[in-house]
């Protein structure tokens, strides 16, 4: 039977269209691996085979169950590289811009996360929402409270999801209820690293919120932790808003740029992920490239808060590592398909055509590569962890009408990106176990239908 809660087969196959990437579409025409009638074989939470049904199926034993998803498209689970789980309940809150939005909505909402029960309840809802939208890995901001990170990791670990998260560091320019110190922030972060980094599929991220809310002392000890634990992640914000850039310059005089602040404290390196990166120049873009750091492009958030337009063309010309992110609650949707929609439009406003294959690559293999997780997630290649989703080209009447006329893979994926949302995700699998199925009787019946190969 299907690897759903309540019953797991050791070896299970899934028949469907398949799509994953072995390279960046912008660098070659053979980057995509696409099987119109494919078979994905899972054993003990890992992918053991993926390819054309006619080639893979004869190698299976007769008693291996095959879950029939024909007419759908299986792709790797989406990777969201920048999102705030405590902001779930304040999504779509009105404000005049980034800084007043933080003061009016964000800080009061996050102050409630000193309550472990509240933190756990929001974490459960947040992960439910990610699964519903097809996101299987995310880089997640908790709050300044260590219990917020403990609650998140506890819920994620119970679901066996590969998540990256961290306690926020803030020791100035924030409400007292959300303020730690350089010493307490470092102590709490190190304890969380030792408790959670590498526990199951959980991974830790050192998380200074952004330079204006941390003193030089706090960024300094954060840099020391980054050196002591080189395999942990770093996540923060940079150059999101022009007023924020000016403020950072006033607080840290003598630095070449906002990005230079982080670099001076040893926070620019592989596995460092910086949200937004809108107001960088080419020198900073190349600096991020050379450091192996990743820019998390947050299109729905940037449009919602009026922060600016991320220049994909300049990022690519400078060789900057790039991935996509929702940035909920500044972002207005948990859906990576909706995020692709807005990313395409922003690129067009900047005079650049961001094609659909590139957007799917950035949300899967491209993100995994930049995070140092290539071969583990973001792919359907044998040996990878079996995090995958089933996309339904007939999820809505309009999507069905458009995809029925698609004459190429690019056209099909573009329709998903422009017209799709959570309804297009028929099912989400994590480590080979189905954690979400679209909730209507027809989809439920199809998910449980298993056919034996003849």
Protein backbone atom coordinates (compact mmCIF):
# COMPACT_ATOMS: atom_id res chain seq x y z
CA UNK A 1 0.00 0.00 0.00
CA UNK A 2 0.92 3.67 -0.22
CA UNK A 3 3.41 4.80 2.44
CA UNK A 4 0.82 6.75 4.37
CA UNK A 5 0.42 7.03 8.11
CA UNK A 6 -0.68 3.71 9.52
CA UNK A 7 1.02 1.45 7.02
CA UNK A 8 4.40 1.41 5.30
CA UNK A 9 5.75 -0.95 2.69
CA UNK A 10 9.50 -1.42 2.71
CA UNK A 11 9.68 -1.14 -1.08
CA UNK A 12 7.05 0.86 -2.98
CA UNK A 13 6.91 2.25 -6.51
CA UNK A 14 5.01 5.24 -7.86
CA UNK A 15 3.91 5.46 -11.49
CA UNK A 16 3.57 9.00 -12.81
CA UNK A 17 5.27 11.61 -14.89
CA UNK A 18 8.67 12.41 -13.32
CA UNK A 19 10.76 15.58 -13.36
CA UNK A 20 14.03 16.53 -11.70
CA UNK A 21 17.20 18.39 -12.63
CA UNK A 22 20.83 17.39 -13.01
CA UNK A 23 22.03 20.91 -13.78
CA UNK A 24 20.91 24.51 -14.16
CA UNK A 25 18.57 25.01 -17.15
CA UNK A 26 20.27 28.33 -17.87
CA UNK A 27 23.55 26.49 -18.51
CA UNK A 28 22.38 23.77 -20.89
CA UNK A 29 19.38 22.27 -22.66
CA UNK A 30 19.74 18.82 -21.08
CA UNK A 31 19.45 19.92 -17.44
CA UNK A 32 16.00 18.40 -16.92
CA UNK A 33 15.26 14.69 -16.57
CA UNK A 34 11.65 14.27 -17.67
CA UNK A 35 9.76 11.00 -18.03
CA UNK A 36 6.19 11.27 -19.31
CA UNK A 37 5.44 7.77 -18.01
CA UNK A 38 7.90 7.18 -15.19
CA UNK A 39 8.43 4.98 -12.18
CA UNK A 40 9.87 6.13 -8.87
CA UNK A 41 11.00 3.35 -6.50
CA UNK A 42 11.38 4.01 -2.77
CA UNK A 43 12.94 1.83 -0.09
CA UNK A 44 13.28 2.76 3.59
CA UNK A 45 12.78 6.46 2.93
CA UNK A 46 15.27 6.75 0.06
CA UNK A 47 15.01 6.70 -3.71
CA UNK A 48 16.47 3.55 -5.24
CA UNK A 49 15.40 4.03 -8.86
CA UNK A 50 13.75 6.63 -11.09
CA UNK A 51 13.20 6.53 -14.83
CA UNK A 52 10.92 5.47 -17.64
CA UNK A 53 8.34 2.93 -16.57
CA UNK A 54 9.19 0.61 -19.44
CA UNK A 55 12.82 0.51 -18.32
CA UNK A 56 12.46 0.39 -14.53
CA UNK A 57 9.35 -1.77 -14.02
CA UNK A 58 10.78 -5.06 -15.40
CA UNK A 59 13.42 -4.99 -12.66
CA UNK A 60 10.85 -5.08 -9.85
CA UNK A 61 9.69 -8.21 -8.08
CA UNK A 62 6.10 -9.15 -8.86
CA UNK A 63 4.88 -8.39 -5.33
CA UNK A 64 6.16 -4.78 -5.19
CA UNK A 65 3.13 -2.47 -4.92
CA UNK A 66 2.83 0.32 -7.48
CA UNK A 67 0.86 3.43 -6.55
CA UNK A 68 -0.85 4.77 -9.64
CA UNK A 69 -0.44 8.54 -10.10
CA UNK A 70 -0.68 8.48 -13.90
CA UNK A 71 -1.78 11.82 -15.34
CA UNK A 72 0.17 13.64 -12.61
CA UNK A 73 3.75 14.87 -12.32
CA UNK A 74 6.09 13.84 -9.48
CA UNK A 75 8.79 16.40 -8.69
CA UNK A 76 11.16 16.81 -5.74
CA UNK A 77 9.67 18.52 -2.70
CA UNK A 78 10.07 22.30 -2.77
CA UNK A 79 12.75 24.02 -0.69
CA UNK A 80 11.81 27.38 0.87
CA UNK A 81 15.02 29.19 1.79
CA UNK A 82 13.59 31.95 4.03
CA UNK A 83 10.41 31.83 6.13
CA UNK A 84 9.28 32.87 9.65
CA UNK A 85 7.07 30.31 11.39
CA UNK A 86 6.07 32.68 14.25
CA UNK A 87 4.60 35.08 11.67
CA UNK A 88 2.01 32.58 10.47
CA UNK A 89 -0.83 34.31 12.29
CA UNK A 90 0.09 37.81 11.08
CA UNK A 91 0.33 37.07 7.37
CA UNK A 92 -1.42 39.77 5.31
CA UNK A 93 -1.14 42.47 8.01
CA UNK A 94 -1.29 46.05 6.69
CA UNK A 95 1.58 48.48 7.19
CA UNK A 96 3.29 51.37 5.42
CA UNK A 97 6.60 49.54 4.99
CA UNK A 98 9.14 47.16 6.49
CA UNK A 99 10.13 49.00 9.67
CA UNK A 100 6.61 50.04 10.77
CA UNK A 101 5.41 46.53 9.86
CA UNK A 102 7.99 45.08 12.27
CA UNK A 103 6.98 47.41 15.07
CA UNK A 104 3.21 47.15 14.61
CA UNK A 105 2.76 43.47 13.84
CA UNK A 106 5.88 41.35 13.97
CA UNK A 107 7.29 42.10 17.39
CA UNK A 108 3.95 41.86 19.28
CA UNK A 109 3.16 38.55 17.55
CA UNK A 110 6.58 37.07 18.29
CA UNK A 111 6.40 38.07 21.96
CA UNK A 112 3.87 35.25 22.52
CA UNK A 113 6.43 32.56 21.69
CA UNK A 114 7.85 32.37 25.18
CA UNK A 115 4.89 30.02 25.74
CA UNK A 116 5.95 26.52 24.58
CA UNK A 117 2.35 25.40 24.13
CA UNK A 118 1.57 28.29 21.81
CA UNK A 119 4.83 27.77 19.91
CA UNK A 120 4.09 24.08 19.39
CA UNK A 121 0.53 24.74 18.18
CA UNK A 122 1.73 27.30 15.61
CA UNK A 123 4.57 24.99 14.53
CA UNK A 124 2.08 22.20 13.83
CA UNK A 125 -0.12 24.47 11.76
CA UNK A 126 2.89 25.96 9.95
CA UNK A 127 4.25 22.54 8.95
CA UNK A 128 0.77 21.41 7.90
CA UNK A 129 0.63 24.43 5.62
CA UNK A 130 4.06 23.77 4.14
CA UNK A 131 3.08 20.16 3.40
CA UNK A 132 -0.18 21.28 1.82
CA UNK A 133 1.81 23.56 -0.50
CA UNK A 134 4.43 20.93 -1.35
CA UNK A 135 7.32 22.35 0.68
CA UNK A 136 9.35 19.60 2.34
CA UNK A 137 12.39 21.60 3.51
CA UNK A 138 12.59 25.19 4.74
CA UNK A 139 15.03 27.56 6.41
CA UNK A 140 12.95 28.74 9.33
CA UNK A 141 13.25 31.68 11.71
CA UNK A 142 11.99 31.04 15.22
CA UNK A 143 11.85 33.86 17.81
CA UNK A 144 14.38 35.03 20.38
CA UNK A 145 12.97 32.50 22.85
CA UNK A 146 14.85 29.18 22.95
CA UNK A 147 11.55 27.39 23.63
CA UNK A 148 10.28 28.53 20.21
CA UNK A 149 13.13 26.64 18.53
CA UNK A 150 12.69 23.60 20.77
CA UNK A 151 8.99 23.50 19.96
CA UNK A 152 9.59 23.78 16.23
CA UNK A 153 12.28 21.11 16.12
CA UNK A 154 10.20 18.75 18.27
CA UNK A 155 7.26 18.92 15.86
CA UNK A 156 9.46 18.68 12.76
CA UNK A 157 11.46 15.75 14.17
CA UNK A 158 8.26 13.85 14.92
CA UNK A 159 7.34 14.15 11.23
CA UNK A 160 10.87 13.23 10.09
CA UNK A 161 11.12 16.40 7.98
CA UNK A 162 14.47 17.85 6.91
CA UNK A 163 14.26 21.33 8.39
CA UNK A 164 16.79 24.06 9.12
CA UNK A 165 15.86 26.48 11.90
CA UNK A 166 17.30 28.72 14.57
CA UNK A 167 16.58 30.95 17.52
CA UNK A 168 16.65 34.62 16.55
CA UNK A 169 19.42 36.80 18.03
CA UNK A 170 18.46 40.39 18.96
CA UNK A 171 20.12 42.47 21.66
CA UNK A 172 19.09 45.99 20.66
CA UNK A 173 16.47 48.04 18.76
CA UNK A 174 13.65 45.72 19.73
CA UNK A 175 11.11 45.39 22.58
CA UNK A 176 12.47 44.22 25.92
CA UNK A 177 10.38 41.04 25.71
CA UNK A 178 12.28 40.05 22.55
CA UNK A 179 15.77 41.05 23.64
CA UNK A 180 18.58 38.73 24.59
CA UNK A 181 22.24 39.59 25.18
CA UNK A 182 25.39 38.71 23.30
CA UNK A 183 26.24 36.20 26.03
CA UNK A 184 22.79 34.66 26.53
CA UNK A 185 22.13 34.49 22.78
CA UNK A 186 25.40 32.66 22.17
CA UNK A 187 24.83 30.31 25.10
CA UNK A 188 21.28 29.47 24.03
CA UNK A 189 22.29 29.02 20.39
CA UNK A 190 25.12 26.65 21.26
CA UNK A 191 22.84 24.59 23.48
CA UNK A 192 20.32 24.33 20.65
CA UNK A 193 23.04 23.34 18.18
CA UNK A 194 24.18 20.56 20.48
CA UNK A 195 20.59 19.41 21.07
CA UNK A 196 19.21 19.55 17.54
CA UNK A 197 21.81 19.86 14.78
CA UNK A 198 22.04 16.41 13.28
CA UNK A 199 19.24 14.98 15.41
CA UNK A 200 17.32 12.95 12.84
CA UNK A 201 16.85 15.25 9.88
CA UNK A 202 17.02 18.50 11.89
CA UNK A 203 19.72 21.10 11.15
CA UNK A 204 20.55 24.34 12.95
CA UNK A 205 20.97 27.89 11.65
CA UNK A 206 22.62 30.72 13.57
CA UNK A 207 20.03 33.45 13.19
CA UNK A 208 20.88 37.11 13.86
CA UNK A 209 17.66 38.80 12.73
CA UNK A 210 19.48 41.55 10.88
CA UNK A 211 22.47 43.74 11.66
CA UNK A 212 20.46 46.70 13.08
CA UNK A 213 19.04 44.51 15.88
CA UNK A 214 22.41 43.07 16.95
CA UNK A 215 25.34 44.85 18.55
CA UNK A 216 28.88 44.33 17.33
CA UNK A 217 29.39 42.14 20.40
CA UNK A 218 26.51 39.85 19.41
CA UNK A 219 27.61 39.57 15.78
CA UNK A 220 31.09 38.85 17.06
CA UNK A 221 30.07 35.89 19.21
CA UNK A 222 27.81 34.67 16.40
CA UNK A 223 30.84 34.66 14.11
CA UNK A 224 32.79 32.69 16.71
CA UNK A 225 30.03 30.07 16.82
CA UNK A 226 30.00 29.93 13.02
CA UNK A 227 33.71 29.16 13.08
CA UNK A 228 33.33 26.58 15.85
CA UNK A 229 30.49 24.80 14.04
CA UNK A 230 31.30 25.10 10.33
CA UNK A 231 28.54 22.73 9.20
CA UNK A 232 25.70 24.73 10.76
CA UNK A 233 23.84 27.28 8.67
CA UNK A 234 23.71 31.05 9.05
CA UNK A 235 20.60 33.02 8.13
CA UNK A 236 19.80 36.71 8.27
CA UNK A 237 18.45 39.62 6.23
CA UNK A 238 20.41 42.07 4.12
CA UNK A 239 19.57 45.02 1.88
CA UNK A 240 15.83 44.43 1.88
CA UNK A 241 14.70 48.03 2.12
CA UNK A 242 16.46 51.29 1.29
CA UNK A 243 15.67 52.82 4.69
CA UNK A 244 17.02 49.70 6.41
CA UNK A 245 20.24 49.96 4.38
CA UNK A 246 20.70 53.56 5.51
CA UNK A 247 20.00 52.60 9.14
CA UNK A 248 22.54 49.77 9.05
CA UNK A 249 25.16 52.19 7.70
CA UNK A 250 24.50 54.60 10.56
CA UNK A 251 24.76 51.84 13.18
CA UNK A 252 27.94 50.35 11.67
CA UNK A 253 30.00 53.26 10.30
CA UNK A 254 33.17 52.52 8.40
CA UNK A 255 31.87 49.51 6.49
CA UNK A 256 31.88 49.42 2.73
CA UNK A 257 28.29 48.14 2.57
CA UNK A 258 25.56 46.44 4.54
CA UNK A 259 26.88 43.05 3.40
CA UNK A 260 30.36 44.02 4.55
CA UNK A 261 29.09 44.13 8.14
CA UNK A 262 28.34 40.42 8.09
CA UNK A 263 31.55 39.59 6.27
CA UNK A 264 33.68 41.44 8.84
CA UNK A 265 32.18 39.28 11.59
CA UNK A 266 32.82 35.99 9.78
CA UNK A 267 29.20 35.45 8.76
CA UNK A 268 29.69 35.22 5.00
CA UNK A 269 30.57 31.65 4.03
CA UNK A 270 29.08 28.47 2.54
CA UNK A 271 25.70 27.66 4.15
CA UNK A 272 25.11 31.36 4.87
CA UNK A 273 21.71 32.40 3.52
CA UNK A 274 20.71 36.05 3.26
CA UNK A 275 17.12 37.07 2.62
CA UNK A 276 16.27 39.69 -0.02
CA UNK A 277 19.64 41.09 -1.25
CA UNK A 278 17.80 43.71 -3.30
CA UNK A 279 19.98 46.77 -2.72
CA UNK A 280 23.39 45.19 -3.33
CA UNK A 281 25.85 46.34 -5.97
CA UNK A 282 27.83 44.07 -8.26
CA UNK A 283 30.83 44.02 -5.92
CA UNK A 284 28.62 42.63 -3.16
CA UNK A 285 26.99 40.15 -5.53
CA UNK A 286 30.40 38.85 -6.51
CA UNK A 287 31.43 38.83 -2.86
CA UNK A 288 28.52 36.53 -2.07
CA UNK A 289 29.46 34.32 -5.02
CA UNK A 290 33.07 34.02 -3.90
CA UNK A 291 32.03 33.28 -0.30
CA UNK A 292 29.60 30.54 -1.38
CA UNK A 293 26.70 32.36 0.33
CA UNK A 294 23.13 32.16 -0.94
CA UNK A 295 20.63 34.92 -1.76
CA UNK A 296 17.04 34.00 -0.86
CA UNK A 297 14.79 35.85 -3.32
CA UNK A 298 11.44 36.67 -1.64
CA UNK A 299 9.20 38.11 -4.37
CA UNK A 300 5.80 38.12 -2.66
CA UNK A 301 7.27 39.80 0.41
CA UNK A 302 9.19 42.38 -1.60
CA UNK A 303 6.04 43.35 -3.48
CA UNK A 304 3.81 43.30 -0.39
CA UNK A 305 6.11 45.55 1.64
CA UNK A 306 7.20 47.66 -1.33
CA UNK A 307 10.84 46.87 -0.63
CA UNK A 308 12.07 46.82 -4.23
CA UNK A 309 12.64 44.53 -7.21
CA UNK A 310 15.33 41.85 -7.03
CA UNK A 311 17.44 41.92 -10.20
CA UNK A 312 17.76 38.28 -11.30
CA UNK A 313 19.71 39.26 -14.41
CA UNK A 314 22.42 41.07 -12.42
CA UNK A 315 22.57 38.24 -9.89
CA UNK A 316 23.13 35.71 -12.66
CA UNK A 317 25.68 37.85 -14.47
CA UNK A 318 27.69 38.10 -11.26
CA UNK A 319 27.42 34.37 -10.58
CA UNK A 320 25.50 34.94 -7.34
CA UNK A 321 23.96 31.81 -5.79
CA UNK A 322 20.19 32.21 -5.83
CA UNK A 323 17.08 30.38 -4.58
CA UNK A 324 13.42 31.23 -3.97
CA UNK A 325 11.64 31.87 -0.67
CA UNK A 326 8.18 32.79 0.60
CA UNK A 327 9.23 34.96 3.58
CA UNK A 328 5.90 34.42 5.33
CA UNK A 329 4.57 36.57 7.06
CA UNK A 330 5.96 39.45 4.97
CA UNK A 331 5.31 37.12 2.06
CA UNK A 332 1.66 36.65 1.22
CA UNK A 333 1.61 32.93 0.36
CA UNK A 334 3.09 29.66 1.60
CA UNK A 335 2.97 28.33 -1.97
CA UNK A 336 6.24 28.07 -3.87
CA UNK A 337 4.18 27.98 -7.07
CA UNK A 338 2.75 31.40 -6.22
CA UNK A 339 6.28 32.51 -5.32
CA UNK A 340 7.42 31.47 -8.81
CA UNK A 341 4.52 33.46 -10.26
CA UNK A 342 5.69 36.68 -8.62
CA UNK A 343 9.38 35.96 -9.27
CA UNK A 344 8.64 35.73 -12.98
CA UNK A 345 6.77 39.04 -12.96
CA UNK A 346 9.51 40.84 -11.03
CA UNK A 347 12.09 39.57 -13.50
CA UNK A 348 9.98 40.82 -16.39
CA UNK A 349 9.71 44.25 -14.79
CA UNK A 350 13.52 44.26 -14.66
CA UNK A 351 13.71 43.32 -18.35
CA UNK A 352 14.55 39.66 -17.86
CA UNK A 353 12.67 36.47 -18.76
CA UNK A 354 12.86 33.94 -15.91
CA UNK A 355 11.71 30.69 -17.50
CA UNK A 356 9.67 28.03 -15.73
CA UNK A 357 12.33 25.32 -15.76
CA UNK A 358 14.74 27.71 -14.05
CA UNK A 359 12.15 28.53 -11.39
CA UNK A 360 11.50 24.86 -10.64
CA UNK A 361 15.25 24.28 -10.54
CA UNK A 362 15.73 27.15 -8.06
CA UNK A 363 13.02 25.67 -5.83
CA UNK A 364 14.55 22.17 -5.86
CA UNK A 365 18.01 21.08 -7.03
CA UNK A 366 19.37 24.63 -7.27
CA UNK A 367 18.51 25.39 -3.66
CA UNK A 368 19.88 22.05 -2.47
CA UNK A 369 23.15 22.64 -4.35
CA UNK A 370 23.62 26.11 -2.86
CA UNK A 371 22.83 24.85 0.64
CA UNK A 372 25.41 22.06 0.48
CA UNK A 373 22.64 19.44 0.44
CA UNK A 374 22.95 18.24 -3.14
CA UNK A 375 22.27 14.54 -3.45
CA UNK A 376 20.20 14.56 -0.25
CA UNK A 377 17.15 16.65 -1.17
CA UNK A 378 15.83 18.52 -4.19
CA UNK A 379 16.20 15.58 -6.58
CA UNK A 380 14.69 12.24 -7.57
CA UNK A 381 18.11 10.73 -8.28
CA UNK A 382 18.86 7.35 -6.67
CA UNK A 383 20.33 7.67 -3.19
CA UNK A 384 18.45 10.85 -2.31
CA UNK A 385 16.02 11.18 0.57
CA UNK A 386 12.52 10.47 -0.72
CA UNK A 387 10.96 13.91 -0.31
CA UNK A 388 8.68 14.41 -3.30
CA UNK A 389 5.34 15.85 -4.31
CA UNK A 390 2.65 14.96 -6.81
CA UNK A 391 1.45 17.86 -8.97
CA UNK A 392 -1.98 17.66 -10.60
CA UNK A 393 -2.31 19.44 -13.96
CA UNK A 394 -6.11 19.19 -13.63
CA UNK A 395 -6.34 20.63 -10.13
CA UNK A 396 -8.58 23.51 -11.22
CA UNK A 397 -10.73 23.94 -14.33
CA UNK A 398 -8.54 26.71 -15.72
CA UNK A 399 -5.29 24.83 -15.03
CA UNK A 400 -6.76 21.72 -16.65
CA UNK A 401 -7.83 23.64 -19.74
CA UNK A 402 -4.42 25.28 -20.12
CA UNK A 403 -2.27 22.21 -19.43
CA UNK A 404 -4.32 20.09 -21.84
CA UNK A 405 -2.92 22.31 -24.59
CA UNK A 406 0.70 22.34 -23.39
CA UNK A 407 3.02 21.29 -26.17
CA UNK A 408 6.26 21.21 -24.18
CA UNK A 409 7.66 20.72 -20.70
CA UNK A 410 8.31 24.46 -20.42
CA UNK A 411 4.69 25.23 -21.27
CA UNK A 412 3.43 22.73 -18.69
CA UNK A 413 5.65 24.03 -15.90
CA UNK A 414 4.85 27.64 -16.77
CA UNK A 415 1.14 26.88 -16.42
CA UNK A 416 1.79 25.37 -12.97
CA UNK A 417 3.77 28.47 -11.95
CA UNK A 418 1.27 31.01 -13.26
CA UNK A 419 -2.00 29.25 -12.43
CA UNK A 420 -1.08 26.83 -9.63
CA UNK A 421 -1.22 27.09 -5.86
CA UNK A 422 -1.78 24.64 -2.99
CA UNK A 423 -4.65 23.03 -4.93
CA UNK A 424 -2.16 21.79 -7.54
CA UNK A 425 -0.39 19.66 -4.90
CA UNK A 426 -2.18 16.32 -4.89
CA UNK A 427 0.14 14.72 -2.31
CA UNK A 428 3.32 15.37 -0.36
CA UNK A 429 5.74 12.64 0.71
CA UNK A 430 8.51 13.05 3.28
CA UNK A 431 11.19 10.36 3.55
CA UNK A 432 8.87 8.10 1.57
CA UNK A 433 5.90 8.62 3.88
CA UNK A 434 2.81 10.42 2.69
CA UNK A 435 2.12 13.36 5.01
CA UNK A 436 -0.45 15.19 2.91
CA UNK A 437 -3.12 14.28 0.37
CA UNK A 438 -5.49 16.79 -1.15
CA UNK A 439 -8.69 16.50 0.79
CA UNK A 440 -11.52 15.46 -1.44
CA UNK A 441 -13.04 12.06 -1.91
CA UNK A 442 -11.85 11.59 -5.50
CA UNK A 443 -8.22 12.30 -4.65
CA UNK A 444 -8.41 10.15 -1.51
CA UNK A 445 -9.71 7.20 -3.51
CA UNK A 446 -7.01 7.58 -6.16
CA UNK A 447 -4.21 7.84 -3.61
CA UNK A 448 -5.19 4.51 -2.06
CA UNK A 449 -5.50 2.76 -5.42
CA UNK A 450 -2.53 0.48 -5.92
CA UNK A 451 -1.94 -1.59 -9.01
CA UNK A 452 0.39 -4.55 -9.35
CA UNK A 453 2.79 -4.54 -12.27
CA UNK A 454 2.09 -7.21 -14.83
